Amino acid sequence: MTDRIFPGIASMSLHRNGTTTVTSTDGRAISSVLPPGTFAESSAIASCTYLPASSTVRCETIQGDYIDSEIPSLTDPSPLRGRPTIYLDQNHWSTLANAIYDPGRVHSAAELEAARELIELAKAKRVVLPVSAGHMQETCQDGIDERRYQRALTMLQISVGWRLTDPLALRRIELRTALCARYRGPDPANPPAVTLDPGALFRSRGASQPFSTTSDPGNLDQLQEILTTAMAHIDIFLDAESIPAHPV
């Protein structure tokens, strides 16, 4: 998204107490208050802010930590720009979290050095480390404690909004592409596997419509879905309530 959708708007914020604030680029601010219950009591979020100029959602936790999530443009939901993507299993995300918060828990000096180097590469935007629905499920089934909070915070801060498209949706894409190639059908328009589109996380479960790159750049409905889903994912990762895993 670009600031052309909201010319003159510097930020739009939603606070835990239900206060919404729109701040213009000249410093003026207008506020209103939503009904109680905007955030669940178990939520770790203090506020969420949309920054149109940088296409970013910034959330602050009640512990004072900040999480930035990049928002896709309507013309390119996956602006990798040649960067490699690295998918980490949950145990490796735990290693990155330990490297930041408790280095003594990392098994060896070499592993600690590698973890720190990978973190710096991600922060410098030289590699992309996406999160997945599996990461969310494994994280959320744990009750909240300091280590779970640190692991979830690490995943959110380092992934910066990048996600792996639902594996079932990816498998469907692979099968469709193979059939089209076998029977010389038209090449399907396949969405990227690693993307900023927040709806891609649960695409095959009917959670959201496919991201449209042909939409009007000022499509507020799609922008609303993107912002709401991005904020919800951050909230779910950090929520204090445990969500038990369901048997497949």
Protein backbone atom coordinates (compact mmCIF):
# COMPACT_ATOMS: atom_id res chain seq x y z
CA MET A 1 0.00 0.00 0.00
CA THR A 2 1.14 3.57 -0.46
CA ASP A 3 0.37 6.88 1.15
CA ARG A 4 -1.55 7.81 -2.00
CA ILE A 5 -4.55 6.00 -0.55
CA PHE A 6 -4.52 8.33 2.45
CA PRO A 7 -2.87 11.58 1.29
CA GLY A 8 -1.95 13.81 4.19
CA ILE A 9 -2.32 11.04 6.80
CA ALA A 10 0.76 10.21 8.88
CA SER A 11 -0.71 7.45 11.04
CA MET A 12 -3.88 5.72 12.20
CA SER A 13 -3.77 4.12 15.64
CA LEU A 14 -5.95 1.80 17.70
CA HIS A 15 -5.22 1.68 21.44
CA ARG A 16 -6.04 -0.96 24.00
CA ASN A 17 -8.61 1.28 25.72
CA GLY A 18 -10.54 1.60 22.45
CA THR A 19 -9.24 5.04 21.49
CA THR A 20 -8.62 5.50 17.77
CA THR A 21 -6.43 8.36 16.61
CA VAL A 22 -5.80 9.67 13.10
CA THR A 23 -2.78 11.96 12.83
CA SER A 24 -2.16 14.11 9.76
CA THR A 25 1.24 14.97 8.32
CA ASP A 26 0.97 18.50 9.73
CA GLY A 27 0.63 17.13 13.26
CA ARG A 28 -3.11 17.53 13.79
CA ALA A 29 -4.89 14.60 15.45
CA ILE A 30 -8.50 13.48 15.68
CA SER A 31 -9.57 10.83 18.19
CA SER A 32 -12.68 8.80 18.93
CA VAL A 33 -13.48 5.94 21.29
CA LEU A 34 -14.78 2.49 20.34
CA PRO A 35 -17.03 0.42 22.63
CA PRO A 36 -15.32 -1.62 25.39
CA GLY A 37 -13.85 -4.99 24.49
CA THR A 38 -11.72 -3.89 21.55
CA PHE A 39 -8.95 -6.17 22.83
CA ALA A 40 -9.40 -9.37 24.83
CA GLU A 41 -8.09 -9.34 28.39
CA SER A 42 -5.54 -11.98 27.40
CA SER A 43 -4.17 -9.82 24.56
CA ALA A 44 -0.56 -8.68 24.83
CA ILE A 45 -1.16 -5.72 22.50
CA ALA A 46 -1.15 -2.15 23.83
CA SER A 47 -1.68 -0.44 20.48
CA CYS A 48 -1.52 -0.96 16.71
CA THR A 49 -0.62 1.80 14.26
CA TYR A 50 -0.83 1.89 10.48
CA LEU A 51 1.86 4.03 8.84
CA PRO A 52 0.79 4.65 5.22
CA ALA A 53 4.05 6.28 4.07
CA SER A 54 6.13 3.21 4.93
CA SER A 55 3.38 0.63 4.31
CA THR A 56 3.87 -0.73 7.81
CA VAL A 57 1.75 -1.87 10.73
CA ARG A 58 3.50 -1.21 14.04
CA CYS A 59 2.23 -2.90 17.20
CA GLU A 60 3.37 -2.13 20.73
CA THR A 61 3.00 -4.81 23.39
CA ILE A 62 2.01 -4.18 26.99
CA GLN A 63 5.66 -4.95 27.86
CA GLY A 64 6.82 -2.08 25.66
CA ASP A 65 8.18 -4.12 22.74
CA TYR A 66 7.56 -3.07 19.13
CA ILE A 67 6.70 -5.25 16.14
CA ASP A 68 6.73 -3.98 12.56
CA SER A 69 4.83 -5.85 9.86
CA GLU A 70 5.28 -4.88 6.22
CA ILE A 71 2.07 -4.44 4.22
CA PRO A 72 1.96 -5.64 0.59
CA SER A 73 1.30 -3.38 -2.33
CA LEU A 74 -1.61 -4.27 -4.57
CA THR A 75 0.80 -4.72 -7.48
CA ASP A 76 3.29 -7.03 -5.76
CA PRO A 77 2.39 -9.12 -2.70
CA SER A 78 5.87 -10.67 -2.62
CA PRO A 79 8.59 -8.01 -3.17
CA LEU A 80 11.53 -10.33 -2.46
CA ARG A 81 13.82 -8.44 -4.87
CA GLY A 82 16.12 -11.41 -5.25
CA ARG A 83 16.52 -12.11 -1.55
CA PRO A 84 16.77 -15.76 -0.49
CA THR A 85 14.06 -17.14 1.78
CA ILE A 86 14.86 -19.47 4.66
CA TYR A 87 12.14 -21.50 6.38
CA LEU A 88 13.03 -22.34 9.97
CA ASP A 89 11.51 -25.16 11.99
CA GLN A 90 10.14 -24.21 15.40
CA ASN A 91 13.22 -25.45 17.24
CA HIS A 92 15.44 -23.14 15.19
CA TRP A 93 13.21 -20.17 16.01
CA SER A 94 13.74 -21.13 19.65
CA THR A 95 17.48 -21.00 19.03
CA LEU A 96 17.20 -17.48 17.60
CA ALA A 97 15.13 -16.39 20.60
CA ASN A 98 17.70 -17.89 22.97
CA ALA A 99 20.50 -16.14 21.08
CA ILE A 100 18.78 -12.83 21.85
CA TYR A 101 17.44 -13.38 25.36
CA ASP A 102 19.33 -16.30 26.92
CA PRO A 103 22.55 -17.13 25.01
CA GLY A 104 23.55 -19.71 27.61
CA ARG A 105 20.77 -22.00 26.39
CA VAL A 106 22.30 -22.26 22.90
CA HIS A 107 24.15 -25.57 22.56
CA SER A 108 27.48 -24.34 21.20
CA ALA A 109 29.43 -21.20 20.43
CA ALA A 110 29.28 -22.01 16.71
CA GLU A 111 25.48 -22.33 16.80
CA LEU A 112 25.19 -19.07 18.73
CA GLU A 113 27.39 -17.27 16.21
CA ALA A 114 25.33 -18.68 13.31
CA ALA A 115 22.06 -17.64 14.97
CA ARG A 116 23.31 -14.10 15.56
CA GLU A 117 24.55 -13.83 11.98
CA LEU A 118 21.18 -14.97 10.62
CA ILE A 119 19.37 -12.45 12.82
CA GLU A 120 21.57 -9.64 11.51
CA LEU A 121 21.01 -10.73 7.90
CA ALA A 122 17.26 -10.67 8.44
CA LYS A 123 17.33 -7.27 10.16
CA ALA A 124 19.42 -5.90 7.29
CA LYS A 125 16.77 -7.24 4.87
CA ARG A 126 19.28 -9.45 3.08
CA VAL A 127 17.26 -12.63 3.72
CA VAL A 128 13.59 -13.33 4.44
CA LEU A 129 12.51 -15.64 7.28
CA PRO A 130 8.78 -16.35 6.88
CA VAL A 131 6.45 -17.71 9.54
CA SER A 132 3.74 -20.27 8.83
CA ALA A 133 0.42 -21.51 10.16
CA GLY A 134 2.38 -24.36 11.74
CA HIS A 135 4.51 -21.88 13.68
CA MET A 136 1.37 -20.15 14.91
CA GLN A 137 -0.24 -23.42 16.00
CA GLU A 138 2.87 -24.69 17.81
CA THR A 139 3.40 -21.36 19.54
CA CYS A 140 -0.20 -20.80 20.59
CA GLN A 141 -0.68 -24.22 22.17
CA ASP A 142 1.80 -23.23 24.88
CA GLY A 143 0.55 -21.24 27.83
CA ILE A 144 2.05 -17.79 28.00
CA ASP A 145 5.27 -17.45 29.96
CA GLU A 146 8.38 -15.37 29.41
CA ARG A 147 10.06 -17.89 27.10
CA ARG A 148 6.96 -18.34 24.94
CA TYR A 149 6.55 -14.54 24.74
CA GLN A 150 10.21 -14.13 23.75
CA ARG A 151 9.96 -16.82 21.07
CA ALA A 152 6.77 -15.35 19.59
CA LEU A 153 8.22 -11.84 19.73
CA THR A 154 11.38 -13.01 17.97
CA MET A 155 9.39 -14.68 15.19
CA LEU A 156 7.22 -11.61 14.65
CA GLN A 157 10.04 -9.07 14.78
CA ILE A 158 12.36 -10.99 12.46
CA SER A 159 9.76 -12.19 9.93
CA VAL A 160 8.49 -8.57 9.57
CA GLY A 161 5.19 -9.77 8.13
CA TRP A 162 6.53 -12.39 5.70
CA ARG A 163 4.51 -15.61 5.62
CA LEU A 164 4.52 -19.02 3.99
CA THR A 165 1.38 -19.67 1.98
CA ASP A 166 -0.77 -22.47 3.40
CA PRO A 167 0.99 -25.76 2.41
CA LEU A 168 -2.31 -27.29 1.25
CA ALA A 169 -2.81 -24.33 -1.06
CA LEU A 170 0.75 -24.74 -2.34
CA ARG A 171 0.13 -28.43 -3.05
CA ARG A 172 -3.04 -27.53 -4.96
CA ILE A 173 -1.00 -25.05 -7.01
CA GLU A 174 1.62 -27.70 -7.79
CA LEU A 175 -1.01 -30.19 -8.96
CA ARG A 176 -2.81 -27.59 -11.05
CA THR A 177 0.44 -26.49 -12.68
CA ALA A 178 1.41 -30.10 -13.46
CA LEU A 179 -2.00 -30.83 -15.03
CA CYS A 180 -1.88 -27.67 -17.11
CA ALA A 181 1.59 -28.59 -18.35
CA ARG A 182 0.55 -32.19 -19.10
CA TYR A 183 -2.57 -31.27 -21.05
CA ARG A 184 -1.21 -28.02 -22.48
CA GLY A 185 -3.68 -25.85 -20.69
CA PRO A 186 -3.07 -22.19 -20.00
CA ASP A 187 -0.49 -21.49 -17.34
CA PRO A 188 -2.34 -20.75 -14.09
CA ALA A 189 -1.70 -17.52 -12.25
CA ASN A 190 -0.02 -18.95 -9.18
CA PRO A 191 0.40 -16.90 -6.01
CA PRO A 192 3.90 -16.78 -4.49
CA ALA A 193 4.86 -19.30 -1.83
CA VAL A 194 6.46 -16.66 0.39
CA THR A 195 4.43 -13.49 0.61
CA LEU A 196 3.40 -10.44 2.63
CA ASP A 197 -0.27 -11.28 1.98
CA PRO A 198 -1.57 -12.03 5.51
CA GLY A 199 -4.51 -14.03 4.16
CA ALA A 200 -2.14 -16.59 2.61
CA LEU A 201 -1.48 -18.22 5.98
CA PHE A 202 -4.82 -20.08 5.91
CA ARG A 203 -5.73 -19.74 2.24
CA SER A 204 -6.90 -23.32 1.67
CA ARG A 205 -9.18 -23.17 4.74
CA GLY A 206 -11.41 -20.55 3.14
CA ALA A 207 -10.17 -17.84 5.49
CA SER A 208 -9.82 -15.15 2.84
CA GLN A 209 -10.04 -14.49 -0.86
CA PRO A 210 -6.89 -14.71 -2.99
CA PHE A 211 -4.85 -11.53 -3.10
CA SER A 212 -5.79 -9.50 -6.16
CA THR A 213 -3.04 -7.65 -8.02
CA THR A 214 -5.61 -6.23 -10.44
CA SER A 215 -7.63 -4.37 -7.81
CA ASP A 216 -7.98 -0.62 -7.81
CA PRO A 217 -4.91 0.71 -5.90
CA GLY A 218 -7.37 2.62 -3.75
CA ASN A 219 -9.40 -0.49 -2.86
CA LEU A 220 -10.22 0.20 0.79
CA ASP A 221 -12.01 -3.13 1.29
CA GLN A 222 -8.87 -5.09 0.47
CA LEU A 223 -6.73 -2.70 2.53
CA GLN A 224 -9.04 -3.19 5.51
CA GLU A 225 -8.78 -6.98 5.23
CA ILE A 226 -4.99 -6.81 4.97
CA LEU A 227 -4.60 -4.53 7.99
CA THR A 228 -7.10 -6.44 10.12
CA THR A 229 -5.54 -9.81 9.33
CA ALA A 230 -1.98 -8.58 9.90
CA MET A 231 -2.89 -7.15 13.31
CA ALA A 232 -4.86 -10.26 14.25
CA HIS A 233 -1.93 -12.55 13.46
CA ILE A 234 0.36 -10.54 15.75
CA ASP A 235 -2.27 -10.59 18.49
CA ILE A 236 -2.79 -14.36 18.19
CA PHE A 237 0.94 -15.17 18.37
CA LEU A 238 1.28 -13.21 21.61
CA ASP A 239 -2.08 -13.88 23.29
CA ALA A 240 -1.79 -15.29 26.80
CA GLU A 241 -4.58 -17.83 26.28
CA SER A 242 -3.41 -21.28 25.23
CA ILE A 243 -5.07 -22.71 22.12
CA PRO A 244 -4.88 -26.54 22.28
CA ALA A 245 -3.95 -28.42 19.14
CA HIS A 246 -6.78 -30.30 17.46
CA PRO A 247 -6.13 -33.86 16.23
CA VAL A 248 -5.98 -34.20 12.47
